[in-house]
Amino acid sequence: MSTAANVVVLLVAILHVYILVLEMFLWNKPRGLKAFGLTPEFAAQTKVLAANQGLYNGFLAAGLFWGLYLGGSGHTVKVFFLLCVLVAGAYGAATVNRRILFIQAVPAGIGLALLLL
């Protein structure tokens, strides 16, 4: 397992912890409003949905951290969770905002490529 692959996996995991924080705790705060381009009214109406979504991002991060923790035997765990991130990013780009492709899916794809080399 290359160090570069593990660094990318770690960065993707940290990114998803950050997304968790944005969606669960900062959704209707200035930082969350700016990050997602929300109005205060829309953020107030969707706060519970965003928190649920944030929790799922936390599970993705937890899976990636778990794969890293397992070392060499965590290869398939990392591949699985990076695939989950890739699919979530592609779906988000298709249904919400194309920017999600570059923020979420591309880093996961890079991590997958490095893991599979």
PDB file of N, CA and C in Angstrom:
ATOM      1  N   MET A   1       0.853  -1.178   0.000  1.00  0.00           N
ATOM      2  CA  MET A   1       0.000   0.000   0.000  1.00  0.00           C
ATOM      3  C   MET A   1       0.894   1.235   0.000  1.00  0.00           C
ATOM      4  N   SER A   2       0.671   2.122  -0.929  1.00  0.00           N
ATOM      5  CA  SER A   2       1.536   3.291  -1.019  1.00  0.00           C
ATOM      6  C   SER A   2       1.157   4.342   0.021  1.00  0.00           C
ATOM      7  N   THR A   3       2.154   5.073   0.407  1.00  0.00           N
ATOM      8  CA  THR A   3       1.926   6.171   1.343  1.00  0.00           C
ATOM      9  C   THR A   3       1.021   7.221   0.718  1.00  0.00           C
ATOM     10  N   ALA A   4       1.212   7.475  -0.573  1.00  0.00           N
ATOM     11  CA  ALA A   4       0.383   8.473  -1.262  1.00  0.00           C
ATOM     12  C   ALA A   4      -1.098   8.090  -1.201  1.00  0.00           C
ATOM     13  N   ALA A   5      -1.393   6.817  -1.406  1.00  0.00           N
ATOM     14  CA  ALA A   5      -2.788   6.356  -1.342  1.00  0.00           C
ATOM     15  C   ALA A   5      -3.358   6.592   0.044  1.00  0.00           C
ATOM     16  N   ASN A   6      -2.602   6.250   1.062  1.00  0.00           N
ATOM     17  CA  ASN A   6      -3.090   6.420   2.427  1.00  0.00           C
ATOM     18  C   ASN A   6      -3.263   7.898   2.783  1.00  0.00           C
ATOM     19  N   VAL A   7      -2.404   8.750   2.261  1.00  0.00           N
ATOM     20  CA  VAL A   7      -2.545  10.192   2.510  1.00  0.00           C
ATOM     21  C   VAL A   7      -3.834  10.696   1.873  1.00  0.00           C
ATOM     22  N   VAL A   8      -4.128  10.264   0.652  1.00  0.00           N
ATOM     23  CA  VAL A   8      -5.363  10.695  -0.011  1.00  0.00           C
ATOM     24  C   VAL A   8      -6.583  10.159   0.741  1.00  0.00           C
ATOM     25  N   VAL A   9      -6.530   8.903   1.176  1.00  0.00           N
ATOM     26  CA  VAL A   9      -7.639   8.334   1.956  1.00  0.00           C
ATOM     27  C   VAL A   9      -7.847   9.159   3.226  1.00  0.00           C
ATOM     28  N   LEU A  10      -6.772   9.503   3.890  1.00  0.00           N
ATOM     29  CA  LEU A  10      -6.862  10.321   5.109  1.00  0.00           C
ATOM     30  C   LEU A  10      -7.477  11.687   4.806  1.00  0.00           C
ATOM     31  N   LEU A  11      -7.062  12.313   3.723  1.00  0.00           N
ATOM     32  CA  LEU A  11      -7.612  13.621   3.361  1.00  0.00           C
ATOM     33  C   LEU A  11      -9.099  13.541   3.030  1.00  0.00           C
ATOM     34  N   VAL A  12      -9.508  12.476   2.339  1.00  0.00           N
ATOM     35  CA  VAL A  12     -10.936  12.296   2.038  1.00  0.00           C
ATOM     36  C   VAL A  12     -11.718  12.086   3.334  1.00  0.00           C
ATOM     37  N   ALA A  13     -11.160  11.318   4.263  1.00  0.00           N
ATOM     38  CA  ALA A  13     -11.827  11.099   5.551  1.00  0.00           C
ATOM     39  C   ALA A  13     -11.973  12.414   6.318  1.00  0.00           C
ATOM     40  N   ILE A  14     -10.907  13.205   6.352  1.00  0.00           N
ATOM     41  CA  ILE A  14     -10.958  14.497   7.051  1.00  0.00           C
ATOM     42  C   ILE A  14     -11.973  15.422   6.384  1.00  0.00           C
ATOM     43  N   LEU A  15     -12.012  15.419   5.056  1.00  0.00           N
ATOM     44  CA  LEU A  15     -13.001  16.220   4.326  1.00  0.00           C
ATOM     45  C   LEU A  15     -14.416  15.849   4.752  1.00  0.00           C
ATOM     46  N   HIS A  16     -14.678  14.555   4.925  1.00  0.00           N
ATOM     47  CA  HIS A  16     -16.026  14.131   5.299  1.00  0.00           C
ATOM     48  C   HIS A  16     -16.356  14.438   6.756  1.00  0.00           C
ATOM     49  N   VAL A  17     -15.364  14.508   7.603  1.00  0.00           N
ATOM     50  CA  VAL A  17     -15.602  14.990   8.966  1.00  0.00           C
ATOM     51  C   VAL A  17     -15.982  16.470   8.908  1.00  0.00           C
ATOM     52  N   TYR A  18     -15.301  17.221   8.064  1.00  0.00           N
ATOM     53  CA  TYR A  18     -15.619  18.644   7.902  1.00  0.00           C
ATOM     54  C   TYR A  18     -17.041  18.826   7.354  1.00  0.00           C
ATOM     55  N   ILE A  19     -17.410  18.008   6.371  1.00  0.00           N
ATOM     56  CA  ILE A  19     -18.769  18.076   5.835  1.00  0.00           C
ATOM     57  C   ILE A  19     -19.781  17.731   6.924  1.00  0.00           C
ATOM     58  N   LEU A  20     -19.472  16.733   7.744  1.00  0.00           N
ATOM     59  CA  LEU A  20     -20.345  16.385   8.877  1.00  0.00           C
ATOM     60  C   LEU A  20     -20.566  17.611   9.761  1.00  0.00           C
ATOM     61  N   VAL A  21     -19.492  18.295  10.113  1.00  0.00           N
ATOM     62  CA  VAL A  21     -19.596  19.472  10.982  1.00  0.00           C
ATOM     63  C   VAL A  21     -20.443  20.560  10.312  1.00  0.00           C
ATOM     64  N   LEU A  22     -20.183  20.801   9.027  1.00  0.00           N
ATOM     65  CA  LEU A  22     -20.969  21.811   8.315  1.00  0.00           C
ATOM     66  C   LEU A  22     -22.456  21.464   8.314  1.00  0.00           C
ATOM     67  N   GLU A  23     -22.774  20.210   8.010  1.00  0.00           N
ATOM     68  CA  GLU A  23     -24.177  19.825   7.862  1.00  0.00           C
ATOM     69  C   GLU A  23     -24.899  19.619   9.191  1.00  0.00           C
ATOM     70  N   MET A  24     -24.194  19.139  10.183  1.00  0.00           N
ATOM     71  CA  MET A  24     -24.859  18.845  11.452  1.00  0.00           C
ATOM     72  C   MET A  24     -24.883  20.029  12.417  1.00  0.00           C
ATOM     73  N   PHE A  25     -23.842  20.849  12.374  1.00  0.00           N
ATOM     74  CA  PHE A  25     -23.718  21.877  13.405  1.00  0.00           C
ATOM     75  C   PHE A  25     -23.676  23.308  12.871  1.00  0.00           C
ATOM     76  N   LEU A  26     -23.297  23.492  11.617  1.00  0.00           N
ATOM     77  CA  LEU A  26     -23.141  24.846  11.082  1.00  0.00           C
ATOM     78  C   LEU A  26     -24.094  25.159   9.933  1.00  0.00           C
ATOM     79  N   TRP A  27     -25.036  24.288   9.675  1.00  0.00           N
ATOM     80  CA  TRP A  27     -25.953  24.419   8.537  1.00  0.00           C
ATOM     81  C   TRP A  27     -26.615  25.792   8.469  1.00  0.00           C
ATOM     82  N   ASN A  28     -27.118  26.257   9.607  1.00  0.00           N
ATOM     83  CA  ASN A  28     -27.835  27.543   9.610  1.00  0.00           C
ATOM     84  C   ASN A  28     -27.006  28.676  10.231  1.00  0.00           C
ATOM     85  N   LYS A  29     -25.713  28.458  10.317  1.00  0.00           N
ATOM     86  CA  LYS A  29     -24.777  29.486  10.800  1.00  0.00           C
ATOM     87  C   LYS A  29     -24.108  30.123   9.578  1.00  0.00           C
ATOM     88  N   PRO A  30     -23.470  31.280   9.749  1.00  0.00           N
ATOM     89  CA  PRO A  30     -22.863  31.962   8.591  1.00  0.00           C
ATOM     90  C   PRO A  30     -21.942  31.074   7.740  1.00  0.00           C
ATOM     91  N   ARG A  31     -21.125  30.262   8.375  1.00  0.00           N
ATOM     92  CA  ARG A  31     -20.199  29.400   7.617  1.00  0.00           C
ATOM     93  C   ARG A  31     -20.954  28.367   6.783  1.00  0.00           C
ATOM     94  N   GLY A  32     -21.986  27.755   7.360  1.00  0.00           N
ATOM     95  CA  GLY A  32     -22.788  26.786   6.624  1.00  0.00           C
ATOM     96  C   GLY A  32     -23.591  27.432   5.510  1.00  0.00           C
ATOM     97  N   LEU A  33     -24.177  28.587   5.799  1.00  0.00           N
ATOM     98  CA  LEU A  33     -24.944  29.308   4.785  1.00  0.00           C
ATOM     99  C   LEU A  33     -24.063  29.636   3.581  1.00  0.00           C
ATOM    100  N   LYS A  34     -22.842  30.092   3.856  1.00  0.00           N
ATOM    101  CA  LYS A  34     -21.917  30.453   2.781  1.00  0.00           C
ATOM    102  C   LYS A  34     -21.440  29.211   2.023  1.00  0.00           C
ATOM    103  N   ALA A  35     -21.088  28.160   2.750  1.00  0.00           N
ATOM    104  CA  ALA A  35     -20.558  26.948   2.113  1.00  0.00           C
ATOM    105  C   ALA A  35     -21.558  26.326   1.138  1.00  0.00           C
ATOM    106  N   PHE A  36     -22.826  26.368   1.489  1.00  0.00           N
ATOM    107  CA  PHE A  36     -23.849  25.719   0.672  1.00  0.00           C
ATOM    108  C   PHE A  36     -24.716  26.705  -0.108  1.00  0.00           C
ATOM    109  N   GLY A  37     -24.437  28.014   0.024  1.00  0.00           N
ATOM    110  CA  GLY A  37     -25.201  29.019  -0.710  1.00  0.00           C
ATOM    111  C   GLY A  37     -26.673  29.039  -0.322  1.00  0.00           C
ATOM    112  N   LEU A  38     -26.942  28.985   0.984  1.00  0.00           N
ATOM    113  CA  LEU A  38     -28.313  28.894   1.481  1.00  0.00           C
ATOM    114  C   LEU A  38     -28.828  30.236   1.976  1.00  0.00           C
ATOM    115  N   THR A  39     -30.133  30.376   1.949  1.00  0.00           N
ATOM    116  CA  THR A  39     -30.759  31.495   2.636  1.00  0.00           C
ATOM    117  C   THR A  39     -31.041  31.047   4.068  1.00  0.00           C
ATOM    118  N   PRO A  40     -31.121  31.975   5.006  1.00  0.00           N
ATOM    119  CA  PRO A  40     -31.435  31.588   6.383  1.00  0.00           C
ATOM    120  C   PRO A  40     -32.776  30.856   6.490  1.00  0.00           C
ATOM    121  N   GLU A  41     -33.745  31.266   5.688  1.00  0.00           N
ATOM    122  CA  GLU A  41     -35.068  30.630   5.731  1.00  0.00           C
ATOM    123  C   GLU A  41     -34.991  29.170   5.278  1.00  0.00           C
ATOM    124  N   PHE A  42     -34.309  28.932   4.162  1.00  0.00           N
ATOM    125  CA  PHE A  42     -34.182  27.560   3.654  1.00  0.00           C
ATOM    126  C   PHE A  42     -33.394  26.696   4.638  1.00  0.00           C
ATOM    127  N   ALA A  43     -32.333  27.258   5.202  1.00  0.00           N
ATOM    128  CA  ALA A  43     -31.522  26.504   6.168  1.00  0.00           C
ATOM    129  C   ALA A  43     -32.360  26.111   7.385  1.00  0.00           C
ATOM    130  N   ALA A  44     -33.193  27.012   7.854  1.00  0.00           N
ATOM    131  CA  ALA A  44     -34.043  26.709   9.007  1.00  0.00           C
ATOM    132  C   ALA A  44     -35.020  25.582   8.683  1.00  0.00           C
ATOM    133  N   GLN A  45     -35.570  25.584   7.470  1.00  0.00           N
ATOM    134  CA  GLN A  45     -36.539  24.557   7.076  1.00  0.00           C
ATOM    135  C   GLN A  45     -35.896  23.193   6.854  1.00  0.00           C
ATOM    136  N   THR A  46     -34.617  23.161   6.525  1.00  0.00           N
ATOM    137  CA  THR A  46     -33.964  21.902   6.145  1.00  0.00           C
ATOM    138  C   THR A  46     -32.903  21.438   7.144  1.00  0.00           C
ATOM    139  N   LYS A  47     -32.859  22.071   8.296  1.00  0.00           N
ATOM    140  CA  LYS A  47     -31.808  21.772   9.275  1.00  0.00           C
ATOM    141  C   LYS A  47     -31.780  20.298   9.678  1.00  0.00           C
ATOM    142  N   VAL A  48     -32.921  19.702   9.917  1.00  0.00           N
ATOM    143  CA  VAL A  48     -32.975  18.302  10.349  1.00  0.00           C
ATOM    144  C   VAL A  48     -32.518  17.371   9.223  1.00  0.00           C
ATOM    145  N   LEU A  49     -32.932  17.668   8.001  1.00  0.00           N
ATOM    146  CA  LEU A  49     -32.493  16.861   6.860  1.00  0.00           C
ATOM    147  C   LEU A  49     -30.977  16.948   6.681  1.00  0.00           C
ATOM    148  N   ALA A  50     -30.433  18.143   6.829  1.00  0.00           N
ATOM    149  CA  ALA A  50     -28.992  18.328   6.691  1.00  0.00           C
ATOM    150  C   ALA A  50     -28.230  17.574   7.769  1.00  0.00           C
ATOM    151  N   ALA A  51     -28.750  17.574   8.988  1.00  0.00           N
ATOM    152  CA  ALA A  51     -28.092  16.838  10.070  1.00  0.00           C
ATOM    153  C   ALA A  51     -28.056  15.350   9.765  1.00  0.00           C
ATOM    154  N   ASN A  52     -29.122  14.826   9.210  1.00  0.00           N
ATOM    155  CA  ASN A  52     -29.166  13.416   8.824  1.00  0.00           C
ATOM    156  C   ASN A  52     -28.123  13.143   7.745  1.00  0.00           C
ATOM    157  N   GLN A  53     -28.050  14.014   6.775  1.00  0.00           N
ATOM    158  CA  GLN A  53     -27.066  13.877   5.701  1.00  0.00           C
ATOM    159  C   GLN A  53     -25.648  13.954   6.261  1.00  0.00           C
ATOM    160  N   GLY A  54     -25.434  14.843   7.203  1.00  0.00           N
ATOM    161  CA  GLY A  54     -24.124  14.966   7.837  1.00  0.00           C
ATOM    162  C   GLY A  54     -23.713  13.701   8.555  1.00  0.00           C
ATOM    163  N   LEU A  55     -24.672  13.056   9.180  1.00  0.00           N
ATOM    164  CA  LEU A  55     -24.383  11.802   9.868  1.00  0.00           C
ATOM    165  C   LEU A  55     -23.874  10.749   8.885  1.00  0.00           C
ATOM    166  N   TYR A  56     -24.484  10.684   7.717  1.00  0.00           N
ATOM    167  CA  TYR A  56     -24.029   9.732   6.700  1.00  0.00           C
ATOM    168  C   TYR A  56     -22.607  10.055   6.244  1.00  0.00           C
ATOM    169  N   ASN A  57     -22.274  11.326   6.124  1.00  0.00           N
ATOM    170  CA  ASN A  57     -20.904  11.690   5.787  1.00  0.00           C
ATOM    171  C   ASN A  57     -19.941  11.262   6.890  1.00  0.00           C
ATOM    172  N   GLY A  58     -20.399  11.315   8.117  1.00  0.00           N
ATOM    173  CA  GLY A  58     -19.584  10.827   9.228  1.00  0.00           C
ATOM    174  C   GLY A  58     -19.321   9.335   9.136  1.00  0.00           C
ATOM    175  N   PHE A  59     -20.316   8.578   8.690  1.00  0.00           N
ATOM    176  CA  PHE A  59     -20.119   7.136   8.511  1.00  0.00           C
ATOM    177  C   PHE A  59     -19.091   6.861   7.417  1.00  0.00           C
ATOM    178  N   LEU A  60     -19.117   7.657   6.350  1.00  0.00           N
ATOM    179  CA  LEU A  60     -18.108   7.490   5.300  1.00  0.00           C
ATOM    180  C   LEU A  60     -16.715   7.754   5.868  1.00  0.00           C
ATOM    181  N   ALA A  61     -16.577   8.813   6.633  1.00  0.00           N
ATOM    182  CA  ALA A  61     -15.288   9.126   7.252  1.00  0.00           C
ATOM    183  C   ALA A  61     -14.855   8.007   8.190  1.00  0.00           C
ATOM    184  N   ALA A  62     -15.780   7.514   9.006  1.00  0.00           N
ATOM    185  CA  ALA A  62     -15.448   6.445   9.952  1.00  0.00           C
ATOM    186  C   ALA A  62     -14.950   5.210   9.217  1.00  0.00           C
ATOM    187  N   GLY A  63     -15.578   4.866   8.108  1.00  0.00           N
ATOM    188  CA  GLY A  63     -15.143   3.710   7.333  1.00  0.00           C
ATOM    189  C   GLY A  63     -13.742   3.893   6.782  1.00  0.00           C
ATOM    190  N   LEU A  64     -13.435   5.091   6.309  1.00  0.00           N
ATOM    191  CA  LEU A  64     -12.095   5.354   5.791  1.00  0.00           C
ATOM    192  C   LEU A  64     -11.050   5.323   6.904  1.00  0.00           C
ATOM    193  N   PHE A  65     -11.373   5.908   8.055  1.00  0.00           N
ATOM    194  CA  PHE A  65     -10.450   5.837   9.202  1.00  0.00           C
ATOM    195  C   PHE A  65     -10.241   4.382   9.635  1.00  0.00           C
ATOM    196  N   TRP A  66     -11.302   3.601   9.614  1.00  0.00           N
ATOM    197  CA  TRP A  66     -11.214   2.182   9.976  1.00  0.00           C
ATOM    198  C   TRP A  66     -10.267   1.462   9.014  1.00  0.00           C
ATOM    199  N   GLY A  67     -10.438   1.702   7.718  1.00  0.00           N
ATOM    200  CA  GLY A  67      -9.556   1.076   6.740  1.00  0.00           C
ATOM    201  C   GLY A  67      -8.098   1.451   6.964  1.00  0.00           C
ATOM    202  N   LEU A  68      -7.844   2.707   7.297  1.00  0.00           N
ATOM    203  CA  LEU A  68      -6.479   3.128   7.597  1.00  0.00           C
ATOM    204  C   LEU A  68      -5.955   2.445   8.855  1.00  0.00           C
ATOM    205  N   TYR A  69      -6.783   2.341   9.861  1.00  0.00           N
ATOM    206  CA  TYR A  69      -6.411   1.705  11.119  1.00  0.00           C
ATOM    207  C   TYR A  69      -6.007   0.241  10.909  1.00  0.00           C
ATOM    208  N   LEU A  70      -6.690  -0.424   9.993  1.00  0.00           N
ATOM    209  CA  LEU A  70      -6.414  -1.840   9.739  1.00  0.00           C
ATOM    210  C   LEU A  70      -5.104  -2.068   9.001  1.00  0.00           C
ATOM    211  N   GLY A  71      -4.489  -1.013   8.521  1.00  0.00           N
ATOM    212  CA  GLY A  71      -3.221  -1.157   7.802  1.00  0.00           C
ATOM    213  C   GLY A  71      -3.411  -1.902   6.492  1.00  0.00           C
ATOM    214  N   GLY A  72      -2.482  -2.789   6.193  1.00  0.00           N
ATOM    215  CA  GLY A  72      -2.522  -3.543   4.945  1.00  0.00           C
ATOM    216  C   GLY A  72      -3.773  -4.380   4.775  1.00  0.00           C
ATOM    217  N   SER A  73      -4.320  -4.872   5.854  1.00  0.00           N
ATOM    218  CA  SER A  73      -5.541  -5.685   5.751  1.00  0.00           C
ATOM    219  C   SER A  73      -6.802  -4.838   5.569  1.00  0.00           C
ATOM    220  N   GLY A  74      -6.650  -3.521   5.568  1.00  0.00           N
ATOM    221  CA  GLY A  74      -7.801  -2.641   5.381  1.00  0.00           C
ATOM    222  C   GLY A  74      -7.995  -2.196   3.938  1.00  0.00           C
ATOM    223  N   HIS A  75      -7.265  -2.800   3.030  1.00  0.00           N
ATOM    224  CA  HIS A  75      -7.338  -2.411   1.613  1.00  0.00           C
ATOM    225  C   HIS A  75      -8.769  -2.452   1.084  1.00  0.00           C
ATOM    226  N   THR A  76      -9.457  -3.564   1.278  1.00  0.00           N
ATOM    227  CA  THR A  76     -10.812  -3.686   0.727  1.00  0.00           C
ATOM    228  C   THR A  76     -11.791  -2.740   1.433  1.00  0.00           C
ATOM    229  N   VAL A  77     -11.564  -2.461   2.689  1.00  0.00           N
ATOM    230  CA  VAL A  77     -12.420  -1.509   3.419  1.00  0.00           C
ATOM    231  C   VAL A  77     -12.265  -0.117   2.806  1.00  0.00           C
ATOM    232  N   LYS A  78     -11.020   0.280   2.549  1.00  0.00           N
ATOM    233  CA  LYS A  78     -10.776   1.595   1.943  1.00  0.00           C
ATOM    234  C   LYS A  78     -11.381   1.673   0.543  1.00  0.00           C
ATOM    235  N   VAL A  79     -11.220   0.611  -0.238  1.00  0.00           N
ATOM    236  CA  VAL A  79     -11.793   0.600  -1.584  1.00  0.00           C
ATOM    237  C   VAL A  79     -13.311   0.742  -1.502  1.00  0.00           C
ATOM    238  N   PHE A  80     -13.956  -0.020  -0.619  1.00  0.00           N
ATOM    239  CA  PHE A  80     -15.409   0.040  -0.491  1.00  0.00           C
ATOM    240  C   PHE A  80     -15.885   1.449  -0.133  1.00  0.00           C
ATOM    241  N   PHE A  81     -15.280   2.049   0.884  1.00  0.00           N
ATOM    242  CA  PHE A  81     -15.754   3.361   1.324  1.00  0.00           C
ATOM    243  C   PHE A  81     -15.400   4.462   0.323  1.00  0.00           C
ATOM    244  N   LEU A  82     -14.282   4.347  -0.371  1.00  0.00           N
ATOM    245  CA  LEU A  82     -13.993   5.317  -1.427  1.00  0.00           C
ATOM    246  C   LEU A  82     -14.992   5.185  -2.568  1.00  0.00           C
ATOM    247  N   LEU A  83     -15.394   3.954  -2.891  1.00  0.00           N
ATOM    248  CA  LEU A  83     -16.439   3.766  -3.901  1.00  0.00           C
ATOM    249  C   LEU A  83     -17.751   4.414  -3.461  1.00  0.00           C
ATOM    250  N   CYS A  84     -18.079   4.277  -2.177  1.00  0.00           N
ATOM    251  CA  CYS A  84     -19.286   4.919  -1.646  1.00  0.00           C
ATOM    252  C   CYS A  84     -19.201   6.437  -1.792  1.00  0.00           C
ATOM    253  N   VAL A  85     -18.047   7.001  -1.474  1.00  0.00           N
ATOM    254  CA  VAL A  85     -17.846   8.449  -1.606  1.00  0.00           C
ATOM    255  C   VAL A  85     -17.950   8.852  -3.076  1.00  0.00           C
ATOM    256  N   LEU A  86     -17.354   8.067  -3.953  1.00  0.00           N
ATOM    257  CA  LEU A  86     -17.392   8.362  -5.385  1.00  0.00           C
ATOM    258  C   LEU A  86     -18.827   8.375  -5.914  1.00  0.00           C
ATOM    259  N   VAL A  87     -19.605   7.376  -5.538  1.00  0.00           N
ATOM    260  CA  VAL A  87     -21.005   7.309  -5.978  1.00  0.00           C
ATOM    261  C   VAL A  87     -21.802   8.477  -5.389  1.00  0.00           C
ATOM    262  N   ALA A  88     -21.613   8.758  -4.107  1.00  0.00           N
ATOM    263  CA  ALA A  88     -22.318   9.882  -3.480  1.00  0.00           C
ATOM    264  C   ALA A  88     -21.944  11.203  -4.157  1.00  0.00           C
ATOM    265  N   GLY A  89     -20.676  11.375  -4.480  1.00  0.00           N
ATOM    266  CA  GLY A  89     -20.234  12.595  -5.146  1.00  0.00           C
ATOM    267  C   GLY A  89     -20.803  12.722  -6.546  1.00  0.00           C
ATOM    268  N   ALA A  90     -20.826  11.626  -7.278  1.00  0.00           N
ATOM    269  CA  ALA A  90     -21.392  11.656  -8.635  1.00  0.00           C
ATOM    270  C   ALA A  90     -22.886  11.946  -8.584  1.00  0.00           C
ATOM    271  N   TYR A  91     -23.592  11.332  -7.653  1.00  0.00           N
ATOM    272  CA  TYR A  91     -25.028  11.575  -7.519  1.00  0.00           C
ATOM    273  C   TYR A  91     -25.301  13.019  -7.105  1.00  0.00           C
ATOM    274  N   GLY A  92     -24.519  13.513  -6.154  1.00  0.00           N
ATOM    275  CA  GLY A  92     -24.676  14.905  -5.729  1.00  0.00           C
ATOM    276  C   GLY A  92     -24.399  15.876  -6.856  1.00  0.00           C
ATOM    277  N   ALA A  93     -23.396  15.582  -7.666  1.00  0.00           N
ATOM    278  CA  ALA A  93     -23.079  16.444  -8.807  1.00  0.00           C
ATOM    279  C   ALA A  93     -24.209  16.436  -9.832  1.00  0.00           C
ATOM    280  N   ALA A  94     -24.832  15.283 -10.017  1.00  0.00           N
ATOM    281  CA  ALA A  94     -25.913  15.166 -11.001  1.00  0.00           C
ATOM    282  C   ALA A  94     -27.215  15.786 -10.514  1.00  0.00           C
ATOM    283  N   THR A  95     -27.433  15.790  -9.197  1.00  0.00           N
ATOM    284  CA  THR A  95     -28.738  16.214  -8.690  1.00  0.00           C
ATOM    285  C   THR A  95     -28.736  17.537  -7.928  1.00  0.00           C
ATOM    286  N   VAL A  96     -27.589  17.953  -7.422  1.00  0.00           N
ATOM    287  CA  VAL A  96     -27.565  19.153  -6.579  1.00  0.00           C
ATOM    288  C   VAL A  96     -26.691  20.249  -7.174  1.00  0.00           C
ATOM    289  N   ASN A  97     -25.390  19.971  -7.310  1.00  0.00           N
ATOM    290  CA  ASN A  97     -24.450  20.983  -7.760  1.00  0.00           C
ATOM    291  C   ASN A  97     -23.232  20.288  -8.355  1.00  0.00           C
ATOM    292  N   ARG A  98     -22.879  20.672  -9.549  1.00  0.00           N
ATOM    293  CA  ARG A  98     -21.761  20.035 -10.249  1.00  0.00           C
ATOM    294  C   ARG A  98     -20.446  20.166  -9.487  1.00  0.00           C
ATOM    295  N   ARG A  99     -20.346  21.183  -8.668  1.00  0.00           N
ATOM    296  CA  ARG A  99     -19.134  21.405  -7.861  1.00  0.00           C
ATOM    297  C   ARG A  99     -18.825  20.215  -6.957  1.00  0.00           C
ATOM    298  N   ILE A 100     -19.854  19.476  -6.547  1.00  0.00           N
ATOM    299  CA  ILE A 100     -19.672  18.313  -5.671  1.00  0.00           C
ATOM    300  C   ILE A 100     -18.791  17.260  -6.343  1.00  0.00           C
ATOM    301  N   LEU A 101     -18.851  17.185  -7.661  1.00  0.00           N
ATOM    302  CA  LEU A 101     -18.012  16.235  -8.391  1.00  0.00           C
ATOM    303  C   LEU A 101     -16.543  16.469  -8.064  1.00  0.00           C
ATOM    304  N   PHE A 102     -16.134  17.726  -8.027  1.00  0.00           N
ATOM    305  CA  PHE A 102     -14.730  18.056  -7.806  1.00  0.00           C
ATOM    306  C   PHE A 102     -14.336  18.042  -6.337  1.00  0.00           C
ATOM    307  N   ILE A 103     -15.290  18.325  -5.474  1.00  0.00           N
ATOM    308  CA  ILE A 103     -15.003  18.360  -4.044  1.00  0.00           C
ATOM    309  C   ILE A 103     -14.985  16.958  -3.447  1.00  0.00           C
ATOM    310  N   GLN A 104     -15.881  16.103  -3.899  1.00  0.00           N
ATOM    311  CA  GLN A 104     -16.074  14.802  -3.270  1.00  0.00           C
ATOM    312  C   GLN A 104     -15.654  13.636  -4.169  1.00  0.00           C
ATOM    313  N   ALA A 105     -16.145  13.596  -5.405  1.00  0.00           N
ATOM    314  CA  ALA A 105     -15.918  12.422  -6.254  1.00  0.00           C
ATOM    315  C   ALA A 105     -14.491  12.341  -6.789  1.00  0.00           C
ATOM    316  N   VAL A 106     -13.945  13.449  -7.245  1.00  0.00           N
ATOM    317  CA  VAL A 106     -12.591  13.412  -7.813  1.00  0.00           C
ATOM    318  C   VAL A 106     -11.547  12.970  -6.782  1.00  0.00           C
ATOM    319  N   PRO A 107     -11.541  13.541  -5.562  1.00  0.00           N
ATOM    320  CA  PRO A 107     -10.567  13.033  -4.585  1.00  0.00           C
ATOM    321  C   PRO A 107     -10.733  11.536  -4.292  1.00  0.00           C
ATOM    322  N   ALA A 108     -11.983  11.070  -4.217  1.00  0.00           N
ATOM    323  CA  ALA A 108     -12.211   9.643  -3.993  1.00  0.00           C
ATOM    324  C   ALA A 108     -11.673   8.833  -5.167  1.00  0.00           C
ATOM    325  N   GLY A 109     -11.877   9.320  -6.378  1.00  0.00           N
ATOM    326  CA  GLY A 109     -11.362   8.628  -7.560  1.00  0.00           C
ATOM    327  C   GLY A 109      -9.845   8.576  -7.568  1.00  0.00           C
ATOM    328  N   ILE A 110      -9.213   9.656  -7.167  1.00  0.00           N
ATOM    329  CA  ILE A 110      -7.749   9.667  -7.073  1.00  0.00           C
ATOM    330  C   ILE A 110      -7.280   8.649  -6.038  1.00  0.00           C
ATOM    331  N   GLY A 111      -7.956   8.626  -4.892  1.00  0.00           N
ATOM    332  CA  GLY A 111      -7.604   7.652  -3.859  1.00  0.00           C
ATOM    333  C   GLY A 111      -7.772   6.223  -4.351  1.00  0.00           C
ATOM    334  N   LEU A 112      -8.863   5.953  -5.049  1.00  0.00           N
ATOM    335  CA  LEU A 112      -9.091   4.609  -5.607  1.00  0.00           C
ATOM    336  C   LEU A 112      -7.989   4.236  -6.592  1.00  0.00           C
ATOM    337  N   ALA A 113      -7.650   5.167  -7.472  1.00  0.00           N
ATOM    338  CA  ALA A 113      -6.611   4.891  -8.462  1.00  0.00           C
ATOM    339  C   ALA A 113      -5.287   4.565  -7.778  1.00  0.00           C
ATOM    340  N   LEU A 114      -4.943   5.339  -6.762  1.00  0.00           N
ATOM    341  CA  LEU A 114      -3.692   5.083  -6.051  1.00  0.00           C
ATOM    342  C   LEU A 114      -3.717   3.753  -5.301  1.00  0.00           C
ATOM    343  N   LEU A 115      -4.874   3.413  -4.733  1.00  0.00           N
ATOM    344  CA  LEU A 115      -4.984   2.134  -4.029  1.00  0.00           C
ATOM    345  C   LEU A 115      -4.872   0.936  -4.980  1.00  0.00           C
ATOM    346  N   LEU A 116      -5.382   1.117  -6.178  1.00  0.00           N
ATOM    347  CA  LEU A 116      -5.433  -0.012  -7.116  1.00  0.00           C
ATOM    348  C   LEU A 116      -4.171  -0.128  -7.976  1.00  0.00           C
ATOM    349  N   LEU A 117      -3.262   0.844  -7.869  1.00  0.00           N
ATOM    350  CA  LEU A 117      -1.997   0.759  -8.615  1.00  0.00           C
ATOM    351  C   LEU A 117      -1.082  -0.295  -8.041  1.00  0.00           C
TER     352      LEU A 117
END
